[in-house]
Amino acid sequence: MKLAITGKGGAGKTTIAVFVARYLAAAGRDVILIDADPDANAAMALGLAESVEPRPIIELKDLIQERTGSTGSPGEFFSLNPKVDDIPEQYAVESNGVKLLRMGRLKKGGAGCFCPENAFVCALLSHLLYRKGQVVVLDMEAGIEHLSRGTARGVDMMLVVVEPGRRSIQTALLVRRCASDIGIQDVGVVINKYREPKELDYIEKQVSPLPVLARIPYDPTIAASDLEGVCAYRDTPEQRRWVEEILSGVPVRSP
């Protein structure tokens, strides 16, 4: 199972990504949670101390140079298919059965910019998304920056977390268009932090025809967990039900 989770900042996408990852890890699955949001906080959401947070992959300059054959010279040739299969074992940090990798911010430049660092990150993502028997939960920023047409084919579904608010809905509709552009046809919505039934009705109408997989009410214990620096996933019957609703709508194609 390969899931990409996105949404407007603050909508709760990292919380949902952690819930899904923790649930599947508790079920005995081999789970890698990839923090691909430049504003990385998946480690904090897992309850990890800052001192043990994984180093961003894109900052492994010497390793990337060695693996890609880069010299740093303008106009150089470098490998687009570097060795990456050992990266999860060496650089992931584990918490409650969930292996966490942090990608870091991709480099940006002119149109078509492609550097050794970006090539390395894309190769690693592709390796993980096509790896059999591996559950990958990709916690993304509000977009699809880390996904190309090639890597997108390995994603079973993109989940967009939407909270009550027009900006959050607009982000969901933008993600839908961008996902379609790179070949992701299965996009589902998770409504998060709603307080009243009328909020559900409004969001469902606005995101139609996207399917709503789960409806999660505002839960003050999640906010409290964030303040305390602990993981909000407590494996309660209610939390398990939320995750099961999400997963029941995922069309799993990869083993």
C-alpha atoms as a PDB file:
ATOM      1  CA  MET A   1       0.000   0.000   0.000  1.00  0.00           C
ATOM      2  CA  LYS A   2       1.333   3.400  -1.034  1.00  0.00           C
ATOM      3  CA  LEU A   3      -0.469   6.534   0.129  1.00  0.00           C
ATOM      4  CA  ALA A   4       0.351  10.184  -0.503  1.00  0.00           C
ATOM      5  CA  ILE A   5      -1.286  12.544   2.000  1.00  0.00           C
ATOM      6  CA  THR A   6      -1.552  16.272   1.445  1.00  0.00           C
ATOM      7  CA  GLY A   7      -3.672  19.284   2.327  1.00  0.00           C
ATOM      8  CA  LYS A   8      -3.498  22.909   3.412  1.00  0.00           C
ATOM      9  CA  GLY A   9      -1.085  23.675   6.210  1.00  0.00           C
ATOM     10  CA  GLY A  10      -2.782  23.145   9.557  1.00  0.00           C
ATOM     11  CA  ALA A  11      -5.524  20.891   8.196  1.00  0.00           C
ATOM     12  CA  GLY A  12      -4.053  17.906  10.026  1.00  0.00           C
ATOM     13  CA  LYS A  13      -2.400  15.933   7.222  1.00  0.00           C
ATOM     14  CA  THR A  14       0.607  14.978   9.343  1.00  0.00           C
ATOM     15  CA  THR A  15      -1.667  13.801  12.143  1.00  0.00           C
ATOM     16  CA  ILE A  16      -3.623  11.642   9.684  1.00  0.00           C
ATOM     17  CA  ALA A  17      -0.391  10.310   8.145  1.00  0.00           C
ATOM     18  CA  VAL A  18       0.870   9.313  11.589  1.00  0.00           C
ATOM     19  CA  PHE A  19      -2.459   7.691  12.514  1.00  0.00           C
ATOM     20  CA  VAL A  20      -2.414   5.582   9.339  1.00  0.00           C
ATOM     21  CA  ALA A  21       1.252   4.639   9.802  1.00  0.00           C
ATOM     22  CA  ARG A  22       0.849   3.702  13.467  1.00  0.00           C
ATOM     23  CA  TYR A  23      -2.301   1.662  12.780  1.00  0.00           C
ATOM     24  CA  LEU A  24      -0.666  -0.349   9.999  1.00  0.00           C
ATOM     25  CA  ALA A  25       2.533  -0.863  11.990  1.00  0.00           C
ATOM     26  CA  ALA A  26       0.469  -2.204  14.911  1.00  0.00           C
ATOM     27  CA  ALA A  27      -1.142  -4.613  12.428  1.00  0.00           C
ATOM     28  CA  GLY A  28       2.293  -6.028  11.661  1.00  0.00           C
ATOM     29  CA  ARG A  29       2.952  -4.238   8.373  1.00  0.00           C
ATOM     30  CA  ASP A  30       6.387  -2.973   7.366  1.00  0.00           C
ATOM     31  CA  VAL A  31       5.747   0.785   7.359  1.00  0.00           C
ATOM     32  CA  ILE A  32       7.861   3.716   6.198  1.00  0.00           C
ATOM     33  CA  LEU A  33       6.545   7.205   6.867  1.00  0.00           C
ATOM     34  CA  ILE A  34       8.176   9.735   4.562  1.00  0.00           C
ATOM     35  CA  ASP A  35       8.137  13.351   5.674  1.00  0.00           C
ATOM     36  CA  ALA A  36       8.256  15.208   2.362  1.00  0.00           C
ATOM     37  CA  ASP A  37       6.977  18.513   3.738  1.00  0.00           C
ATOM     38  CA  PRO A  38       9.696  21.194   3.918  1.00  0.00           C
ATOM     39  CA  ASP A  39       8.006  22.338   7.133  1.00  0.00           C
ATOM     40  CA  ALA A  40       8.766  18.930   8.596  1.00  0.00           C
ATOM     41  CA  ASN A  41       6.951  17.919  11.772  1.00  0.00           C
ATOM     42  CA  ALA A  42       6.211  14.211  11.350  1.00  0.00           C
ATOM     43  CA  ALA A  43       8.917  13.390  13.899  1.00  0.00           C
ATOM     44  CA  MET A  44       7.233  15.633  16.444  1.00  0.00           C
ATOM     45  CA  ALA A  45       3.841  14.109  15.636  1.00  0.00           C
ATOM     46  CA  LEU A  46       5.330  10.671  16.305  1.00  0.00           C
ATOM     47  CA  GLY A  47       6.520  11.931  19.684  1.00  0.00           C
ATOM     48  CA  LEU A  48      10.225  11.822  18.821  1.00  0.00           C
ATOM     49  CA  ALA A  49      12.645  14.107  20.621  1.00  0.00           C
ATOM     50  CA  GLU A  50      14.371  16.717  18.474  1.00  0.00           C
ATOM     51  CA  SER A  51      17.728  15.096  19.229  1.00  0.00           C
ATOM     52  CA  VAL A  52      16.765  11.886  17.401  1.00  0.00           C
ATOM     53  CA  GLU A  53      14.964  13.355  14.399  1.00  0.00           C
ATOM     54  CA  PRO A  54      16.264  11.938  11.098  1.00  0.00           C
ATOM     55  CA  ARG A  55      18.564  14.098   9.032  1.00  0.00           C
ATOM     56  CA  PRO A  56      17.004  15.361   5.770  1.00  0.00           C
ATOM     57  CA  ILE A  57      18.111  13.109   2.910  1.00  0.00           C
ATOM     58  CA  ILE A  58      18.695  16.040   0.587  1.00  0.00           C
ATOM     59  CA  GLU A  59      21.360  17.355   3.006  1.00  0.00           C
ATOM     60  CA  LEU A  60      23.552  14.241   2.684  1.00  0.00           C
ATOM     61  CA  LYS A  61      25.861  16.121   0.312  1.00  0.00           C
ATOM     62  CA  ASP A  62      28.883  13.807   0.382  1.00  0.00           C
ATOM     63  CA  LEU A  63      26.801  10.653   0.004  1.00  0.00           C
ATOM     64  CA  ILE A  64      24.765  12.136  -2.850  1.00  0.00           C
ATOM     65  CA  GLN A  65      27.926  13.239  -4.623  1.00  0.00           C
ATOM     66  CA  GLU A  66      29.423   9.763  -4.242  1.00  0.00           C
ATOM     67  CA  ARG A  67      26.301   7.888  -5.376  1.00  0.00           C
ATOM     68  CA  THR A  68      25.457  10.133  -8.341  1.00  0.00           C
ATOM     69  CA  GLY A  69      29.034  10.725  -9.472  1.00  0.00           C
ATOM     70  CA  SER A  70      28.504  14.467  -9.228  1.00  0.00           C
ATOM     71  CA  THR A  71      31.500  16.803  -9.192  1.00  0.00           C
ATOM     72  CA  GLY A  72      29.564  20.012  -8.709  1.00  0.00           C
ATOM     73  CA  SER A  73      30.724  21.380 -12.042  1.00  0.00           C
ATOM     74  CA  PRO A  74      28.308  23.347 -14.254  1.00  0.00           C
ATOM     75  CA  GLY A  75      26.787  21.254 -17.037  1.00  0.00           C
ATOM     76  CA  GLU A  76      28.078  17.999 -15.544  1.00  0.00           C
ATOM     77  CA  PHE A  77      26.661  14.537 -16.197  1.00  0.00           C
ATOM     78  CA  PHE A  78      25.531  12.512 -13.198  1.00  0.00           C
ATOM     79  CA  SER A  79      23.627   9.312 -12.543  1.00  0.00           C
ATOM     80  CA  LEU A  80      19.841   9.519 -12.453  1.00  0.00           C
ATOM     81  CA  ASN A  81      19.694   5.986 -11.045  1.00  0.00           C
ATOM     82  CA  PRO A  82      21.996   6.015  -8.000  1.00  0.00           C
ATOM     83  CA  LYS A  83      22.128   3.252  -5.401  1.00  0.00           C
ATOM     84  CA  VAL A  84      19.456   4.016  -2.768  1.00  0.00           C
ATOM     85  CA  ASP A  85      18.251   0.646  -1.470  1.00  0.00           C
ATOM     86  CA  ASP A  86      20.325   0.921   1.718  1.00  0.00           C
ATOM     87  CA  ILE A  87      19.146   4.421   2.641  1.00  0.00           C
ATOM     88  CA  PRO A  88      16.075   3.453   4.722  1.00  0.00           C
ATOM     89  CA  GLU A  89      18.099   1.082   6.894  1.00  0.00           C
ATOM     90  CA  GLN A  90      20.873   3.617   7.442  1.00  0.00           C
ATOM     91  CA  TYR A  91      18.932   6.845   7.866  1.00  0.00           C
ATOM     92  CA  ALA A  92      15.404   6.028   9.038  1.00  0.00           C
ATOM     93  CA  VAL A  93      14.488   6.510  12.694  1.00  0.00           C
ATOM     94  CA  GLU A  94      12.003   4.023  14.140  1.00  0.00           C
ATOM     95  CA  SER A  95       9.171   4.793  16.556  1.00  0.00           C
ATOM     96  CA  ASN A  96       6.555   2.214  17.560  1.00  0.00           C
ATOM     97  CA  GLY A  97       7.228   0.148  14.467  1.00  0.00           C
ATOM     98  CA  VAL A  98       7.110   3.117  12.081  1.00  0.00           C
ATOM     99  CA  LYS A  99      10.308   3.932  10.187  1.00  0.00           C
ATOM    100  CA  LEU A 100      10.569   7.672   9.541  1.00  0.00           C
ATOM    101  CA  LEU A 101      12.530   9.238   6.689  1.00  0.00           C
ATOM    102  CA  ARG A 102      12.787  12.974   6.128  1.00  0.00           C
ATOM    103  CA  MET A 103      13.315  14.120   2.544  1.00  0.00           C
ATOM    104  CA  GLY A 104      13.921  17.846   2.964  1.00  0.00           C
ATOM    105  CA  ARG A 105      13.185  20.738   0.624  1.00  0.00           C
ATOM    106  CA  LEU A 106      13.814  20.061  -3.046  1.00  0.00           C
ATOM    107  CA  LYS A 107      16.033  22.541  -4.845  1.00  0.00           C
ATOM    108  CA  LYS A 108      14.308  24.947  -7.185  1.00  0.00           C
ATOM    109  CA  GLY A 109      15.678  26.880 -10.077  1.00  0.00           C
ATOM    110  CA  GLY A 110      14.701  27.628 -13.628  1.00  0.00           C
ATOM    111  CA  ALA A 111      12.301  25.533 -15.617  1.00  0.00           C
ATOM    112  CA  GLY A 112      13.549  21.976 -15.914  1.00  0.00           C
ATOM    113  CA  CYS A 113      16.012  22.365 -13.047  1.00  0.00           C
ATOM    114  CA  PHE A 114      17.338  18.942 -12.092  1.00  0.00           C
ATOM    115  CA  CYS A 115      20.308  18.586  -9.790  1.00  0.00           C
ATOM    116  CA  PRO A 116      22.041  15.582  -8.164  1.00  0.00           C
ATOM    117  CA  GLU A 117      20.208  16.173  -4.870  1.00  0.00           C
ATOM    118  CA  ASN A 118      16.795  16.146  -6.513  1.00  0.00           C
ATOM    119  CA  ALA A 119      17.741  13.135  -8.624  1.00  0.00           C
ATOM    120  CA  PHE A 120      18.786  11.240  -5.500  1.00  0.00           C
ATOM    121  CA  VAL A 121      15.552  12.040  -3.633  1.00  0.00           C
ATOM    122  CA  CYS A 122      13.439  11.080  -6.670  1.00  0.00           C
ATOM    123  CA  ALA A 123      15.335   7.807  -7.054  1.00  0.00           C
ATOM    124  CA  LEU A 124      14.756   7.001  -3.377  1.00  0.00           C
ATOM    125  CA  LEU A 125      11.043   7.780  -3.622  1.00  0.00           C
ATOM    126  CA  SER A 126      10.710   5.659  -6.731  1.00  0.00           C
ATOM    127  CA  HIS A 127      12.518   2.765  -5.042  1.00  0.00           C
ATOM    128  CA  LEU A 128      10.209   2.876  -2.022  1.00  0.00           C
ATOM    129  CA  LEU A 129       6.990   3.351  -3.984  1.00  0.00           C
ATOM    130  CA  TYR A 130       7.717   0.352  -6.200  1.00  0.00           C
ATOM    131  CA  ARG A 131       9.143  -1.871  -3.466  1.00  0.00           C
ATOM    132  CA  LYS A 132       6.943  -4.919  -2.935  1.00  0.00           C
ATOM    133  CA  GLY A 133       5.622  -5.638   0.536  1.00  0.00           C
ATOM    134  CA  GLN A 134       6.423  -2.141   1.797  1.00  0.00           C
ATOM    135  CA  VAL A 135       3.769   0.204   3.160  1.00  0.00           C
ATOM    136  CA  VAL A 136       4.659   3.799   2.309  1.00  0.00           C
ATOM    137  CA  VAL A 137       2.835   6.755   3.803  1.00  0.00           C
ATOM    138  CA  LEU A 138       4.001   9.969   2.161  1.00  0.00           C
ATOM    139  CA  ASP A 139       3.333  13.112   4.211  1.00  0.00           C
ATOM    140  CA  MET A 140       3.508  15.895   1.642  1.00  0.00           C
ATOM    141  CA  GLU A 141       3.189  19.648   1.582  1.00  0.00           C
ATOM    142  CA  ALA A 142       0.149  21.299   0.018  1.00  0.00           C
ATOM    143  CA  GLY A 143       0.962  20.076  -3.472  1.00  0.00           C
ATOM    144  CA  ILE A 144       2.764  17.342  -5.383  1.00  0.00           C
ATOM    145  CA  GLU A 145       6.283  18.772  -5.514  1.00  0.00           C
ATOM    146  CA  HIS A 146       8.063  15.502  -4.700  1.00  0.00           C
ATOM    147  CA  LEU A 147       6.109  13.420  -7.208  1.00  0.00           C
ATOM    148  CA  SER A 148       6.879  13.078 -10.903  1.00  0.00           C
ATOM    149  CA  ARG A 149       4.949  11.114 -13.499  1.00  0.00           C
ATOM    150  CA  GLY A 150       7.264   8.193 -12.866  1.00  0.00           C
ATOM    151  CA  THR A 151       6.916   8.069  -9.093  1.00  0.00           C
ATOM    152  CA  ALA A 152       3.196   8.883  -9.202  1.00  0.00           C
ATOM    153  CA  ARG A 153       2.469   5.556 -10.885  1.00  0.00           C
ATOM    154  CA  GLY A 154       3.538   3.845  -7.666  1.00  0.00           C
ATOM    155  CA  VAL A 155       0.929   5.675  -5.545  1.00  0.00           C
ATOM    156  CA  ASP A 156      -2.294   3.787  -4.839  1.00  0.00           C
ATOM    157  CA  MET A 157      -4.167   6.921  -3.788  1.00  0.00           C
ATOM    158  CA  MET A 158      -3.706  10.533  -2.833  1.00  0.00           C
ATOM    159  CA  LEU A 159      -5.580  11.599   0.282  1.00  0.00           C
ATOM    160  CA  VAL A 160      -6.383  15.276   0.762  1.00  0.00           C
ATOM    161  CA  VAL A 161      -7.095  16.332   4.337  1.00  0.00           C
ATOM    162  CA  VAL A 162      -9.661  19.131   4.432  1.00  0.00           C
ATOM    163  CA  GLU A 163     -10.682  21.173   7.448  1.00  0.00           C
ATOM    164  CA  PRO A 164     -13.689  23.517   7.504  1.00  0.00           C
ATOM    165  CA  GLY A 165     -12.707  26.578   5.503  1.00  0.00           C
ATOM    166  CA  ARG A 166     -12.644  27.764   1.913  1.00  0.00           C
ATOM    167  CA  ARG A 167      -8.853  27.843   1.614  1.00  0.00           C
ATOM    168  CA  SER A 168      -8.640  24.209   2.634  1.00  0.00           C
ATOM    169  CA  ILE A 169     -11.281  23.294   0.048  1.00  0.00           C
ATOM    170  CA  GLN A 170      -9.461  25.286  -2.638  1.00  0.00           C
ATOM    171  CA  THR A 171      -6.262  23.386  -1.835  1.00  0.00           C
ATOM    172  CA  ALA A 172      -8.113  20.083  -2.256  1.00  0.00           C
ATOM    173  CA  LEU A 173      -9.421  21.071  -5.677  1.00  0.00           C
ATOM    174  CA  LEU A 174      -5.974  22.287  -6.755  1.00  0.00           C
ATOM    175  CA  VAL A 175      -4.373  19.029  -5.624  1.00  0.00           C
ATOM    176  CA  ARG A 176      -6.964  17.094  -7.591  1.00  0.00           C
ATOM    177  CA  ARG A 177      -6.035  18.926 -10.803  1.00  0.00           C
ATOM    178  CA  CYS A 178      -2.289  18.583 -10.203  1.00  0.00           C
ATOM    179  CA  ALA A 179      -2.604  14.889  -9.330  1.00  0.00           C
ATOM    180  CA  SER A 180      -4.510  14.240 -12.536  1.00  0.00           C
ATOM    181  CA  ASP A 181      -1.777  16.013 -14.507  1.00  0.00           C
ATOM    182  CA  ILE A 182       0.810  13.440 -13.407  1.00  0.00           C
ATOM    183  CA  GLY A 183      -1.435  10.405 -13.702  1.00  0.00           C
ATOM    184  CA  ILE A 184      -2.918   9.972 -10.208  1.00  0.00           C
ATOM    185  CA  GLN A 185      -6.596   9.282 -10.805  1.00  0.00           C
ATOM    186  CA  ASP A 186      -7.599   8.089  -7.341  1.00  0.00           C
ATOM    187  CA  VAL A 187      -7.925  11.067  -4.999  1.00  0.00           C
ATOM    188  CA  GLY A 188      -9.955  10.908  -1.801  1.00  0.00           C
ATOM    189  CA  VAL A 189     -10.872  13.417   0.899  1.00  0.00           C
ATOM    190  CA  VAL A 190     -10.590  13.124   4.662  1.00  0.00           C
ATOM    191  CA  ILE A 191     -12.667  15.777   6.438  1.00  0.00           C
ATOM    192  CA  ASN A 192     -10.903  16.708   9.658  1.00  0.00           C
ATOM    193  CA  LYS A 193     -11.696  18.866  12.678  1.00  0.00           C
ATOM    194  CA  TYR A 194     -15.353  19.516  11.882  1.00  0.00           C
ATOM    195  CA  ARG A 195     -17.597  20.682  14.730  1.00  0.00           C
ATOM    196  CA  GLU A 196     -21.092  20.787  13.226  1.00  0.00           C
ATOM    197  CA  PRO A 197     -23.002  18.653  10.683  1.00  0.00           C
ATOM    198  CA  LYS A 198     -23.501  21.712   8.460  1.00  0.00           C
ATOM    199  CA  GLU A 199     -19.723  21.924   8.021  1.00  0.00           C
ATOM    200  CA  LEU A 200     -19.717  18.350   6.718  1.00  0.00           C
ATOM    201  CA  ASP A 201     -22.517  19.087   4.281  1.00  0.00           C
ATOM    202  CA  TYR A 202     -20.785  22.194   2.960  1.00  0.00           C
ATOM    203  CA  ILE A 203     -17.399  20.502   2.451  1.00  0.00           C
ATOM    204  CA  GLU A 204     -18.886  17.430   0.782  1.00  0.00           C
ATOM    205  CA  LYS A 205     -20.759  19.583  -1.711  1.00  0.00           C
ATOM    206  CA  GLN A 206     -17.697  21.703  -2.482  1.00  0.00           C
ATOM    207  CA  VAL A 207     -15.255  18.794  -3.036  1.00  0.00           C
ATOM    208  CA  SER A 208     -17.689  16.706  -5.106  1.00  0.00           C
ATOM    209  CA  PRO A 209     -17.146  14.484  -7.076  1.00  0.00           C
ATOM    210  CA  LEU A 210     -14.132  13.550  -4.914  1.00  0.00           C
ATOM    211  CA  PRO A 211     -15.111  10.736  -2.525  1.00  0.00           C
ATOM    212  CA  VAL A 212     -15.081  11.492   1.204  1.00  0.00           C
ATOM    213  CA  LEU A 213     -13.439   8.508   2.881  1.00  0.00           C
ATOM    214  CA  ALA A 214     -13.637   9.584   6.517  1.00  0.00           C
ATOM    215  CA  ARG A 215     -15.113  12.304   8.685  1.00  0.00           C
ATOM    216  CA  ILE A 216     -13.104  13.087  11.799  1.00  0.00           C
ATOM    217  CA  PRO A 217     -14.541  15.505  14.380  1.00  0.00           C
ATOM    218  CA  TYR A 218     -12.489  18.079  16.230  1.00  0.00           C
ATOM    219  CA  ASP A 219     -10.723  16.308  19.086  1.00  0.00           C
ATOM    220  CA  PRO A 220      -9.134  18.483  21.804  1.00  0.00           C
ATOM    221  CA  THR A 221      -6.925  15.593  22.929  1.00  0.00           C
ATOM    222  CA  ILE A 222      -5.032  15.793  19.611  1.00  0.00           C
ATOM    223  CA  ALA A 223      -4.212  19.461  20.177  1.00  0.00           C
ATOM    224  CA  ALA A 224      -3.222  18.664  23.756  1.00  0.00           C
ATOM    225  CA  SER A 225      -0.880  15.916  22.580  1.00  0.00           C
ATOM    226  CA  ASP A 226       0.845  18.399  20.284  1.00  0.00           C
ATOM    227  CA  LEU A 227       1.419  20.791  23.188  1.00  0.00           C
ATOM    228  CA  GLU A 228       2.773  17.944  25.311  1.00  0.00           C
ATOM    229  CA  GLY A 229       5.078  16.704  22.552  1.00  0.00           C
ATOM    230  CA  VAL A 230       3.597  13.202  22.512  1.00  0.00           C
ATOM    231  CA  CYS A 231       2.014  11.156  19.746  1.00  0.00           C
ATOM    232  CA  ALA A 232      -1.736  11.750  19.477  1.00  0.00           C
ATOM    233  CA  TYR A 233      -2.368   8.189  18.300  1.00  0.00           C
ATOM    234  CA  ARG A 234      -3.455   6.187  21.344  1.00  0.00           C
ATOM    235  CA  ASP A 235      -4.879   3.146  19.520  1.00  0.00           C
ATOM    236  CA  THR A 236      -8.374   3.841  20.842  1.00  0.00           C
ATOM    237  CA  PRO A 237     -11.419   2.202  19.209  1.00  0.00           C
ATOM    238  CA  GLU A 238     -12.469   5.579  17.802  1.00  0.00           C
ATOM    239  CA  GLN A 239      -9.060   6.305  16.285  1.00  0.00           C
ATOM    240  CA  ARG A 240      -8.879   2.812  14.794  1.00  0.00           C
ATOM    241  CA  ARG A 241     -12.328   3.309  13.272  1.00  0.00           C
ATOM    242  CA  TRP A 242     -11.221   6.567  11.618  1.00  0.00           C
ATOM    243  CA  VAL A 243      -8.209   4.875  10.047  1.00  0.00           C
ATOM    244  CA  GLU A 244     -10.235   1.841   8.961  1.00  0.00           C
ATOM    245  CA  GLU A 245     -12.703   4.153   7.204  1.00  0.00           C
ATOM    246  CA  ILE A 246      -9.828   5.790   5.343  1.00  0.00           C
ATOM    247  CA  LEU A 247      -8.219   2.509   4.341  1.00  0.00           C
ATOM    248  CA  SER A 248     -11.499   0.949   3.231  1.00  0.00           C
ATOM    249  CA  GLY A 249     -11.634   3.463   0.379  1.00  0.00           C
ATOM    250  CA  VAL A 250      -8.097   2.910  -0.873  1.00  0.00           C
ATOM    251  CA  PRO A 251      -7.896   0.889  -4.121  1.00  0.00           C
ATOM    252  CA  VAL A 252      -4.762  -1.062  -3.325  1.00  0.00           C
ATOM    253  CA  ARG A 253      -2.956  -2.173  -6.453  1.00  0.00           C
ATOM    254  CA  SER A 254       0.558  -2.718  -5.110  1.00  0.00           C
ATOM    255  CA  PRO A 255       1.383  -5.756  -2.968  1.00  0.00           C
END
